[in-house]
Full PDB file with SEQRES, HELIX, SHEET, SSBOND, CRYST1, ORIGX, SCALE, CONECT and MASTER records, all heavy atoms in Angstrom:
SEQRES   1 A   39  TYR GLY SER MET VAL LEU ILE ARG SER LEU ILE VAL GLY          
SEQRES   2 A   39  GLY MET GLY HIS CYS LEU ALA LYS GLY SER THR ILE ALA          
SEQRES   3 A   39  THR ARG TYR SER ALA VAL ARG HIS GLN SER GLU LEU VAL          
HELIX    1 AA1 GLY A    2  VAL A   32  1                                  31    
CRYST1    1.000    1.000    1.000  90.00  90.00  90.00 P 1           1          
ORIGX1      1.000000  0.000000  0.000000        0.00000                         
ORIGX2      0.000000  1.000000  0.000000        0.00000                         
ORIGX3      0.000000  0.000000  1.000000        0.00000                         
SCALE1      1.000000  0.000000  0.000000        0.00000                         
SCALE2      0.000000  1.000000  0.000000        0.00000                         
SCALE3      0.000000  0.000000  1.000000        0.00000                         
ATOM      1  N   TYR A   1      49.984 -82.481 143.104  1.00  0.00           N  
ATOM      2  CA  TYR A   1      50.553 -81.139 143.167  1.00  0.00           C  
ATOM      3  C   TYR A   1      49.480 -80.053 143.171  1.00  0.00           C  
ATOM      4  O   TYR A   1      49.764 -78.872 143.045  1.00  0.00           O  
ATOM      5  CB  TYR A   1      51.495 -80.892 141.976  1.00  0.00           C  
ATOM      6  CG  TYR A   1      52.738 -81.757 141.940  1.00  0.00           C  
ATOM      7  CD1 TYR A   1      53.581 -81.731 140.844  1.00  0.00           C  
ATOM      8  CD2 TYR A   1      53.054 -82.611 143.005  1.00  0.00           C  
ATOM      9  CE1 TYR A   1      54.732 -82.533 140.805  1.00  0.00           C  
ATOM     10  CE2 TYR A   1      54.196 -83.408 142.962  1.00  0.00           C  
ATOM     11  CZ  TYR A   1      55.022 -83.367 141.863  1.00  0.00           C  
ATOM     12  OH  TYR A   1      56.140 -84.149 141.832  1.00  0.00           O  
ATOM     13  N   GLY A   2      48.213 -80.454 143.311  1.00  0.00           N  
ATOM     14  CA  GLY A   2      47.111 -79.500 143.210  1.00  0.00           C  
ATOM     15  C   GLY A   2      47.178 -78.367 144.208  1.00  0.00           C  
ATOM     16  O   GLY A   2      46.795 -77.229 143.905  1.00  0.00           O  
ATOM     17  N   SER A   3      47.677 -78.640 145.416  1.00  0.00           N  
ATOM     18  CA  SER A   3      47.736 -77.578 146.436  1.00  0.00           C  
ATOM     19  C   SER A   3      48.656 -76.453 146.007  1.00  0.00           C  
ATOM     20  O   SER A   3      48.400 -75.285 146.271  1.00  0.00           O  
ATOM     21  CB  SER A   3      48.202 -78.159 147.773  1.00  0.00           C  
ATOM     22  OG  SER A   3      49.484 -78.743 147.646  1.00  0.00           O  
ATOM     23  N   MET A   4      49.759 -76.808 145.310  1.00  0.00           N  
ATOM     24  CA  MET A   4      50.675 -75.771 144.830  1.00  0.00           C  
ATOM     25  C   MET A   4      50.007 -74.894 143.780  1.00  0.00           C  
ATOM     26  O   MET A   4      50.202 -73.676 143.763  1.00  0.00           O  
ATOM     27  CB  MET A   4      51.937 -76.413 144.257  1.00  0.00           C  
ATOM     28  CG  MET A   4      52.829 -77.076 145.288  1.00  0.00           C  
ATOM     29  SD  MET A   4      54.362 -77.664 144.549  1.00  0.00           S  
ATOM     30  CE  MET A   4      53.759 -78.965 143.502  1.00  0.00           C  
ATOM     31  N   VAL A   5      49.240 -75.513 142.887  1.00  0.00           N  
ATOM     32  CA  VAL A   5      48.570 -74.758 141.834  1.00  0.00           C  
ATOM     33  C   VAL A   5      47.588 -73.765 142.435  1.00  0.00           C  
ATOM     34  O   VAL A   5      47.506 -72.601 142.004  1.00  0.00           O  
ATOM     35  CB  VAL A   5      47.845 -75.713 140.861  1.00  0.00           C  
ATOM     36  CG1 VAL A   5      47.047 -74.927 139.837  1.00  0.00           C  
ATOM     37  CG2 VAL A   5      48.851 -76.614 140.160  1.00  0.00           C  
ATOM     38  N   LEU A   6      46.850 -74.179 143.447  1.00  0.00           N  
ATOM     39  CA  LEU A   6      45.896 -73.285 144.096  1.00  0.00           C  
ATOM     40  C   LEU A   6      46.604 -72.080 144.689  1.00  0.00           C  
ATOM     41  O   LEU A   6      46.196 -70.929 144.465  1.00  0.00           O  
ATOM     42  CB  LEU A   6      45.135 -74.030 145.190  1.00  0.00           C  
ATOM     43  CG  LEU A   6      44.253 -73.159 146.096  1.00  0.00           C  
ATOM     44  CD1 LEU A   6      43.186 -72.440 145.278  1.00  0.00           C  
ATOM     45  CD2 LEU A   6      43.622 -73.994 147.191  1.00  0.00           C  
ATOM     46  N   ILE A   7      47.672 -72.307 145.430  1.00  0.00           N  
ATOM     47  CA  ILE A   7      48.354 -71.197 146.105  1.00  0.00           C  
ATOM     48  C   ILE A   7      49.004 -70.272 145.078  1.00  0.00           C  
ATOM     49  O   ILE A   7      48.960 -69.050 145.220  1.00  0.00           O  
ATOM     50  CB  ILE A   7      49.390 -71.738 147.107  1.00  0.00           C  
ATOM     51  CG1 ILE A   7      48.668 -72.518 148.209  1.00  0.00           C  
ATOM     52  CG2 ILE A   7      50.187 -70.584 147.727  1.00  0.00           C  
ATOM     53  CD1 ILE A   7      49.575 -73.261 149.147  1.00  0.00           C  
ATOM     54  N   ARG A   8      49.567 -70.839 144.013  1.00  0.00           N  
ATOM     55  CA  ARG A   8      50.149 -69.989 142.973  1.00  0.00           C  
ATOM     56  C   ARG A   8      49.067 -69.136 142.312  1.00  0.00           C  
ATOM     57  O   ARG A   8      49.308 -67.975 141.971  1.00  0.00           O  
ATOM     58  CB  ARG A   8      50.860 -70.857 141.922  1.00  0.00           C  
ATOM     59  CG  ARG A   8      52.150 -71.478 142.426  1.00  0.00           C  
ATOM     60  CD  ARG A   8      52.670 -72.524 141.474  1.00  0.00           C  
ATOM     61  NE  ARG A   8      53.810 -73.228 142.035  1.00  0.00           N  
ATOM     62  CZ  ARG A   8      54.284 -74.381 141.568  1.00  0.00           C  
ATOM     63  NH1 ARG A   8      53.712 -74.951 140.515  1.00  0.00           N  
ATOM     64  NH2 ARG A   8      55.319 -74.965 142.132  1.00  0.00           N  
ATOM     65  N   SER A   9      47.893 -69.718 142.127  1.00  0.00           N  
ATOM     66  CA  SER A   9      46.779 -68.959 141.547  1.00  0.00           C  
ATOM     67  C   SER A   9      46.408 -67.789 142.446  1.00  0.00           C  
ATOM     68  O   SER A   9      46.125 -66.684 141.969  1.00  0.00           O  
ATOM     69  CB  SER A   9      45.567 -69.883 141.346  1.00  0.00           C  
ATOM     70  OG  SER A   9      45.880 -70.930 140.457  1.00  0.00           O  
ATOM     71  N   LEU A  10      46.411 -68.017 143.756  1.00  0.00           N  
ATOM     72  CA  LEU A  10      46.070 -66.956 144.698  1.00  0.00           C  
ATOM     73  C   LEU A  10      47.143 -65.868 144.739  1.00  0.00           C  
ATOM     74  O   LEU A  10      46.843 -64.695 144.960  1.00  0.00           O  
ATOM     75  CB  LEU A  10      45.878 -67.544 146.096  1.00  0.00           C  
ATOM     76  CG  LEU A  10      44.682 -68.500 146.258  1.00  0.00           C  
ATOM     77  CD1 LEU A  10      44.705 -69.142 147.643  1.00  0.00           C  
ATOM     78  CD2 LEU A  10      43.365 -67.773 146.034  1.00  0.00           C  
ATOM     79  N   ILE A  11      48.392 -66.252 144.508  1.00  0.00           N  
ATOM     80  CA  ILE A  11      49.488 -65.275 144.527  1.00  0.00           C  
ATOM     81  C   ILE A  11      49.301 -64.241 143.420  1.00  0.00           C  
ATOM     82  O   ILE A  11      49.635 -63.067 143.598  1.00  0.00           O  
ATOM     83  CB  ILE A  11      50.849 -65.984 144.397  1.00  0.00           C  
ATOM     84  CG1 ILE A  11      51.170 -66.746 145.694  1.00  0.00           C  
ATOM     85  CG2 ILE A  11      51.974 -64.973 144.100  1.00  0.00           C  
ATOM     86  CD1 ILE A  11      52.402 -67.616 145.594  1.00  0.00           C  
ATOM     87  N   VAL A  12      48.758 -64.653 142.280  1.00  0.00           N  
ATOM     88  CA  VAL A  12      48.576 -63.720 141.151  1.00  0.00           C  
ATOM     89  C   VAL A  12      47.728 -62.528 141.588  1.00  0.00           C  
ATOM     90  O   VAL A  12      48.122 -61.364 141.424  1.00  0.00           O  
ATOM     91  CB  VAL A  12      47.929 -64.444 139.953  1.00  0.00           C  
ATOM     92  CG1 VAL A  12      47.632 -63.446 138.828  1.00  0.00           C  
ATOM     93  CG2 VAL A  12      48.842 -65.558 139.447  1.00  0.00           C  
ATOM     94  N   GLY A  13      46.545 -62.801 142.164  1.00  0.00           N  
ATOM     95  CA  GLY A  13      45.720 -61.711 142.674  1.00  0.00           C  
ATOM     96  C   GLY A  13      46.378 -61.004 143.840  1.00  0.00           C  
ATOM     97  O   GLY A  13      46.218 -59.787 144.019  1.00  0.00           O  
ATOM     98  N   GLY A  14      47.138 -61.759 144.639  1.00  0.00           N  
ATOM     99  CA  GLY A  14      47.852 -61.151 145.769  1.00  0.00           C  
ATOM    100  C   GLY A  14      48.846 -60.104 145.325  1.00  0.00           C  
ATOM    101  O   GLY A  14      49.034 -59.080 145.996  1.00  0.00           O  
ATOM    102  N   MET A  15      49.479 -60.330 144.178  1.00  0.00           N  
ATOM    103  CA  MET A  15      50.420 -59.331 143.663  1.00  0.00           C  
ATOM    104  C   MET A  15      49.676 -58.089 143.174  1.00  0.00           C  
ATOM    105  O   MET A  15      50.202 -56.972 143.254  1.00  0.00           O  
ATOM    106  CB  MET A  15      51.265 -59.936 142.537  1.00  0.00           C  
ATOM    107  CG  MET A  15      52.247 -61.000 143.010  1.00  0.00           C  
ATOM    108  SD  MET A  15      53.445 -60.387 144.242  1.00  0.00           S  
ATOM    109  CE  MET A  15      52.691 -60.866 145.793  1.00  0.00           C  
ATOM    110  N   GLY A  16      48.448 -58.281 142.678  1.00  0.00           N  
ATOM    111  CA  GLY A  16      47.628 -57.117 142.345  1.00  0.00           C  
ATOM    112  C   GLY A  16      47.295 -56.318 143.586  1.00  0.00           C  
ATOM    113  O   GLY A  16      47.355 -55.074 143.571  1.00  0.00           O  
ATOM    114  N   HIS A  17      46.948 -57.009 144.662  1.00  0.00           N  
ATOM    115  CA  HIS A  17      46.625 -56.327 145.921  1.00  0.00           C  
ATOM    116  C   HIS A  17      47.864 -55.641 146.492  1.00  0.00           C  
ATOM    117  O   HIS A  17      47.773 -54.533 147.046  1.00  0.00           O  
ATOM    118  CB  HIS A  17      46.067 -57.326 146.918  1.00  0.00           C  
ATOM    119  CG  HIS A  17      45.526 -56.710 148.164  1.00  0.00           C  
ATOM    120  ND1 HIS A  17      44.414 -55.887 148.166  1.00  0.00           N  
ATOM    121  CD2 HIS A  17      45.941 -56.772 149.453  1.00  0.00           C  
ATOM    122  CE1 HIS A  17      44.169 -55.480 149.400  1.00  0.00           C  
ATOM    123  NE2 HIS A  17      45.080 -56.005 150.194  1.00  0.00           N  
ATOM    124  N   CYS A  18      49.006 -56.278 146.348  1.00  0.00           N  
ATOM    125  CA  CYS A  18      50.274 -55.691 146.795  1.00  0.00           C  
ATOM    126  C   CYS A  18      50.539 -54.365 146.081  1.00  0.00           C  
ATOM    127  O   CYS A  18      50.852 -53.346 146.711  1.00  0.00           O  
ATOM    128  CB  CYS A  18      51.390 -56.694 146.531  1.00  0.00           C  
ATOM    129  SG  CYS A  18      53.067 -56.039 146.548  1.00  0.00           S  
ATOM    130  N   LEU A  19      50.400 -54.363 144.753  1.00  0.00           N  
ATOM    131  CA  LEU A  19      50.601 -53.121 143.990  1.00  0.00           C  
ATOM    132  C   LEU A  19      49.505 -52.107 144.289  1.00  0.00           C  
ATOM    133  O   LEU A  19      49.749 -50.895 144.261  1.00  0.00           O  
ATOM    134  CB  LEU A  19      50.637 -53.417 142.495  1.00  0.00           C  
ATOM    135  CG  LEU A  19      51.964 -53.912 141.924  1.00  0.00           C  
ATOM    136  CD1 LEU A  19      51.838 -54.169 140.429  1.00  0.00           C  
ATOM    137  CD2 LEU A  19      53.091 -52.919 142.197  1.00  0.00           C  
ATOM    138  N   ALA A  20      48.291 -52.597 144.564  1.00  0.00           N  
ATOM    139  CA  ALA A  20      47.207 -51.679 144.924  1.00  0.00           C  
ATOM    140  C   ALA A  20      47.562 -50.925 146.202  1.00  0.00           C  
ATOM    141  O   ALA A  20      47.354 -49.708 146.301  1.00  0.00           O  
ATOM    142  CB  ALA A  20      45.903 -52.450 145.109  1.00  0.00           C  
ATOM    143  N   LYS A  21      48.112 -51.627 147.174  1.00  0.00           N  
ATOM    144  CA  LYS A  21      48.528 -50.976 148.420  1.00  0.00           C  
ATOM    145  C   LYS A  21      49.636 -49.960 148.162  1.00  0.00           C  
ATOM    146  O   LYS A  21      49.567 -48.802 148.603  1.00  0.00           O  
ATOM    147  CB  LYS A  21      49.025 -52.017 149.424  1.00  0.00           C  
ATOM    148  CG  LYS A  21      47.948 -52.722 150.206  1.00  0.00           C  
ATOM    149  CD  LYS A  21      48.581 -53.573 151.308  1.00  0.00           C  
ATOM    150  CE  LYS A  21      47.526 -54.116 152.259  1.00  0.00           C  
ATOM    151  NZ  LYS A  21      48.151 -54.880 153.369  1.00  0.00           N  
ATOM    152  N   GLY A  22      50.682 -50.397 147.459  1.00  0.00           N  
ATOM    153  CA  GLY A  22      51.807 -49.504 147.215  1.00  0.00           C  
ATOM    154  C   GLY A  22      51.429 -48.282 146.409  1.00  0.00           C  
ATOM    155  O   GLY A  22      51.853 -47.161 146.720  1.00  0.00           O  
ATOM    156  N   SER A  23      50.625 -48.470 145.371  1.00  0.00           N  
ATOM    157  CA  SER A  23      50.239 -47.329 144.543  1.00  0.00           C  
ATOM    158  C   SER A  23      49.263 -46.416 145.277  1.00  0.00           C  
ATOM    159  O   SER A  23      49.250 -45.199 145.038  1.00  0.00           O  
ATOM    160  CB  SER A  23      49.637 -47.809 143.217  1.00  0.00           C  
ATOM    161  OG  SER A  23      48.502 -48.615 143.421  1.00  0.00           O  
ATOM    162  N   THR A  24      48.465 -46.971 146.184  1.00  0.00           N  
ATOM    163  CA  THR A  24      47.581 -46.131 146.991  1.00  0.00           C  
ATOM    164  C   THR A  24      48.389 -45.207 147.892  1.00  0.00           C  
ATOM    165  O   THR A  24      48.130 -43.994 147.957  1.00  0.00           O  
ATOM    166  CB  THR A  24      46.643 -47.005 147.852  1.00  0.00           C  
ATOM    167  OG1 THR A  24      45.789 -47.762 146.994  1.00  0.00           O  
ATOM    168  CG2 THR A  24      45.785 -46.144 148.766  1.00  0.00           C  
ATOM    169  N   ILE A  25      49.368 -45.769 148.575  1.00  0.00           N  
ATOM    170  CA  ILE A  25      50.213 -44.958 149.465  1.00  0.00           C  
ATOM    171  C   ILE A  25      50.924 -43.866 148.673  1.00  0.00           C  
ATOM    172  O   ILE A  25      50.885 -42.678 149.027  1.00  0.00           O  
ATOM    173  CB  ILE A  25      51.249 -45.844 150.190  1.00  0.00           C  
ATOM    174  CG1 ILE A  25      50.555 -46.838 151.119  1.00  0.00           C  
ATOM    175  CG2 ILE A  25      52.230 -44.975 150.991  1.00  0.00           C  
ATOM    176  CD1 ILE A  25      51.473 -47.925 151.654  1.00  0.00           C  
ATOM    177  N   ALA A  26      51.587 -44.263 147.585  1.00  0.00           N  
ATOM    178  CA  ALA A  26      52.404 -43.315 146.829  1.00  0.00           C  
ATOM    179  C   ALA A  26      51.557 -42.254 146.128  1.00  0.00           C  
ATOM    180  O   ALA A  26      51.950 -41.077 146.062  1.00  0.00           O  
ATOM    181  CB  ALA A  26      53.255 -44.067 145.799  1.00  0.00           C  
ATOM    182  N   THR A  27      50.405 -42.637 145.629  1.00  0.00           N  
ATOM    183  CA  THR A  27      49.557 -41.669 144.915  1.00  0.00           C  
ATOM    184  C   THR A  27      48.929 -40.674 145.877  1.00  0.00           C  
ATOM    185  O   THR A  27      48.914 -39.460 145.624  1.00  0.00           O  
ATOM    186  CB  THR A  27      48.464 -42.403 144.116  1.00  0.00           C  
ATOM    187  OG1 THR A  27      49.085 -43.318 143.198  1.00  0.00           O  
ATOM    188  CG2 THR A  27      47.597 -41.427 143.342  1.00  0.00           C  
ATOM    189  N   ARG A  28      48.391 -41.164 146.982  1.00  0.00           N  
ATOM    190  CA  ARG A  28      47.811 -40.245 147.968  1.00  0.00           C  
ATOM    191  C   ARG A  28      48.871 -39.289 148.517  1.00  0.00           C  
ATOM    192  O   ARG A  28      48.620 -38.080 148.660  1.00  0.00           O  
ATOM    193  CB  ARG A  28      47.184 -41.033 149.111  1.00  0.00           C  
ATOM    194  CG  ARG A  28      45.864 -41.717 148.752  1.00  0.00           C  
ATOM    195  CD  ARG A  28      45.340 -42.518 149.925  1.00  0.00           C  
ATOM    196  NE  ARG A  28      44.052 -43.144 149.631  1.00  0.00           N  
ATOM    197  CZ  ARG A  28      43.446 -44.013 150.430  1.00  0.00           C  
ATOM    198  NH1 ARG A  28      44.023 -44.371 151.581  1.00  0.00           N  
ATOM    199  NH2 ARG A  28      42.275 -44.539 150.104  1.00  0.00           N  
ATOM    200  N   TYR A  29      50.050 -39.813 148.810  1.00  0.00           N  
ATOM    201  CA  TYR A  29      51.099 -38.935 149.337  1.00  0.00           C  
ATOM    202  C   TYR A  29      51.538 -37.923 148.287  1.00  0.00           C  
ATOM    203  O   TYR A  29      51.816 -36.754 148.612  1.00  0.00           O  
ATOM    204  CB  TYR A  29      52.290 -39.764 149.804  1.00  0.00           C  
ATOM    205  CG  TYR A  29      53.403 -38.918 150.374  1.00  0.00           C  
ATOM    206  CD1 TYR A  29      53.205 -38.168 151.548  1.00  0.00           C  
ATOM    207  CD2 TYR A  29      54.630 -38.833 149.736  1.00  0.00           C  
ATOM    208  CE1 TYR A  29      54.216 -37.375 152.057  1.00  0.00           C  
ATOM    209  CE2 TYR A  29      55.645 -38.042 150.249  1.00  0.00           C  
ATOM    210  CZ  TYR A  29      55.428 -37.318 151.405  1.00  0.00           C  
ATOM    211  OH  TYR A  29      56.437 -36.525 151.912  1.00  0.00           O  
ATOM    212  N   SER A  30      51.576 -38.346 147.022  1.00  0.00           N  
ATOM    213  CA  SER A  30      51.980 -37.430 145.948  1.00  0.00           C  
ATOM    214  C   SER A  30      50.960 -36.316 145.740  1.00  0.00           C  
ATOM    215  O   SER A  30      51.296 -35.255 145.191  1.00  0.00           O  
ATOM    216  CB  SER A  30      52.164 -38.208 144.636  1.00  0.00           C  
ATOM    217  OG  SER A  30      53.223 -39.134 144.748  1.00  0.00           O  
ATOM    218  N   ALA A  31      49.715 -36.555 146.161  1.00  0.00           N  
ATOM    219  CA  ALA A  31      48.701 -35.501 146.087  1.00  0.00           C  
ATOM    220  C   ALA A  31      48.808 -34.542 147.258  1.00  0.00           C  
ATOM    221  O   ALA A  31      48.406 -33.373 147.156  1.00  0.00           O  
ATOM    222  CB  ALA A  31      47.308 -36.127 146.055  1.00  0.00           C  
ATOM    223  N   VAL A  32      49.380 -35.009 148.375  1.00  0.00           N  
ATOM    224  CA  VAL A  32      49.541 -34.165 149.566  1.00  0.00           C  
ATOM    225  C   VAL A  32      50.841 -33.371 149.506  1.00  0.00           C  
ATOM    226  O   VAL A  32      50.892 -32.202 149.893  1.00  0.00           O  
ATOM    227  CB  VAL A  32      49.517 -35.048 150.838  1.00  0.00           C  
ATOM    228  CG1 VAL A  32      49.902 -34.246 152.075  1.00  0.00           C  
ATOM    229  CG2 VAL A  32      48.139 -35.677 151.016  1.00  0.00           C  
ATOM    230  N   ARG A  33      51.881 -34.005 149.000  1.00  0.00           N  
ATOM    231  CA  ARG A  33      53.211 -33.401 148.981  1.00  0.00           C  
ATOM    232  C   ARG A  33      53.318 -32.321 147.906  1.00  0.00           C  
ATOM    233  O   ARG A  33      52.954 -32.540 146.746  1.00  0.00           O  
ATOM    234  CB  ARG A  33      54.254 -34.487 148.715  1.00  0.00           C  
ATOM    235  CG  ARG A  33      55.678 -33.988 148.542  1.00  0.00           C  
ATOM    236  CD  ARG A  33      56.313 -33.621 149.850  1.00  0.00           C  
ATOM    237  NE  ARG A  33      57.726 -33.287 149.684  1.00  0.00           N  
ATOM    238  CZ  ARG A  33      58.536 -32.969 150.695  1.00  0.00           C  
ATOM    239  NH1 ARG A  33      58.067 -32.970 151.935  1.00  0.00           N  
ATOM    240  NH2 ARG A  33      59.795 -32.671 150.485  1.00  0.00           N  
ATOM    241  N   HIS A  34      53.810 -31.150 148.268  1.00  0.00           N  
ATOM    242  CA  HIS A  34      54.087 -30.059 147.331  1.00  0.00           C  
ATOM    243  C   HIS A  34      55.595 -29.811 147.313  1.00  0.00           C  
ATOM    244  O   HIS A  34      56.242 -29.828 148.370  1.00  0.00           O  
ATOM    245  CB  HIS A  34      53.369 -28.779 147.761  1.00  0.00           C  
ATOM    246  CG  HIS A  34      51.878 -28.860 147.631  1.00  0.00           C  
ATOM    247  ND1 HIS A  34      51.158 -28.171 146.663  1.00  0.00           N  
ATOM    248  CD2 HIS A  34      50.954 -29.553 148.346  1.00  0.00           C  
ATOM    249  CE1 HIS A  34      49.877 -28.425 146.792  1.00  0.00           C  
ATOM    250  NE2 HIS A  34      49.718 -29.269 147.811  1.00  0.00           N  
ATOM    251  N   GLN A  35      56.134 -29.556 146.131  1.00  0.00           N  
ATOM    252  CA  GLN A  35      57.575 -29.343 146.065  1.00  0.00           C  
ATOM    253  C   GLN A  35      57.977 -28.542 144.833  1.00  0.00           C  
ATOM    254  O   GLN A  35      57.464 -28.775 143.735  1.00  0.00           O  
ATOM    255  CB  GLN A  35      58.319 -30.687 146.064  1.00  0.00           C  
ATOM    256  CG  GLN A  35      59.834 -30.526 146.192  1.00  0.00           C  
ATOM    257  CD  GLN A  35      60.493 -31.792 146.705  1.00  0.00           C  
ATOM    258  OE1 GLN A  35      59.888 -32.564 147.427  1.00  0.00           O  
ATOM    259  NE2 GLN A  35      61.744 -31.977 146.340  1.00  0.00           N  
ATOM    260  N   SER A  36      58.906 -27.594 145.048  1.00  0.00           N  
ATOM    261  CA  SER A  36      59.509 -26.762 143.998  1.00  0.00           C  
ATOM    262  C   SER A  36      58.453 -25.927 143.274  1.00  0.00           C  
ATOM    263  O   SER A  36      57.266 -25.987 143.585  1.00  0.00           O  
ATOM    264  CB  SER A  36      60.299 -27.626 143.001  1.00  0.00           C  
ATOM    265  OG  SER A  36      61.295 -28.362 143.679  1.00  0.00           O  
ATOM    266  N   GLU A  37      58.899 -25.154 142.313  1.00  0.00           N  
ATOM    267  CA  GLU A  37      58.001 -24.325 141.518  1.00  0.00           C  
ATOM    268  C   GLU A  37      58.156 -24.693 140.053  1.00  0.00           C  
ATOM    269  O   GLU A  37      59.260 -24.673 139.522  1.00  0.00           O  
ATOM    270  CB  GLU A  37      58.327 -22.833 141.693  1.00  0.00           C  
ATOM    271  CG  GLU A  37      57.993 -22.278 143.061  1.00  0.00           C  
ATOM    272  CD  GLU A  37      58.271 -20.782 143.142  1.00  0.00           C  
ATOM    273  OE1 GLU A  37      59.062 -20.278 142.308  1.00  0.00           O  
ATOM    274  OE2 GLU A  37      57.712 -20.123 144.035  1.00  0.00           O  
ATOM    275  N   LEU A  38      57.057 -25.051 139.425  1.00  0.00           N  
ATOM    276  CA  LEU A  38      57.103 -25.280 137.990  1.00  0.00           C  
ATOM    277  C   LEU A  38      57.286 -23.961 137.252  1.00  0.00           C  
ATOM    278  O   LEU A  38      58.026 -23.858 136.271  1.00  0.00           O  
ATOM    279  CB  LEU A  38      55.806 -25.958 137.518  1.00  0.00           C  
ATOM    280  CG  LEU A  38      55.734 -27.476 137.639  1.00  0.00           C  
ATOM    281  CD1 LEU A  38      54.339 -27.974 137.293  1.00  0.00           C  
ATOM    282  CD2 LEU A  38      56.765 -28.141 136.741  1.00  0.00           C  
ATOM    283  N   VAL A  39      56.569 -22.953 137.739  1.00  0.00           N  
ATOM    284  CA  VAL A  39      56.656 -21.601 137.182  1.00  0.00           C  
ATOM    285  C   VAL A  39      57.049 -20.663 138.309  1.00  0.00           C  
ATOM    286  O   VAL A  39      56.471 -20.723 139.401  1.00  0.00           O  
ATOM    287  CB  VAL A  39      55.296 -21.170 136.578  1.00  0.00           C  
ATOM    288  CG1 VAL A  39      55.397 -19.756 136.020  1.00  0.00           C  
ATOM    289  CG2 VAL A  39      54.853 -22.150 135.495  1.00  0.00           C  
TER     290      VAL A  39                                                      
MASTER        0    0    0    1    0    0    0    6  289    1    0    3          
END                                                                             
């Protein structure tokens, strides 16, 4: 079953990369987007 263990191990870092992509998009856009007035 060693091949499964290897791929599962790679998925862990892959999920970090997945969130890195999503948070990059959302954070950069949130810095560009302006909305409403706080004051």
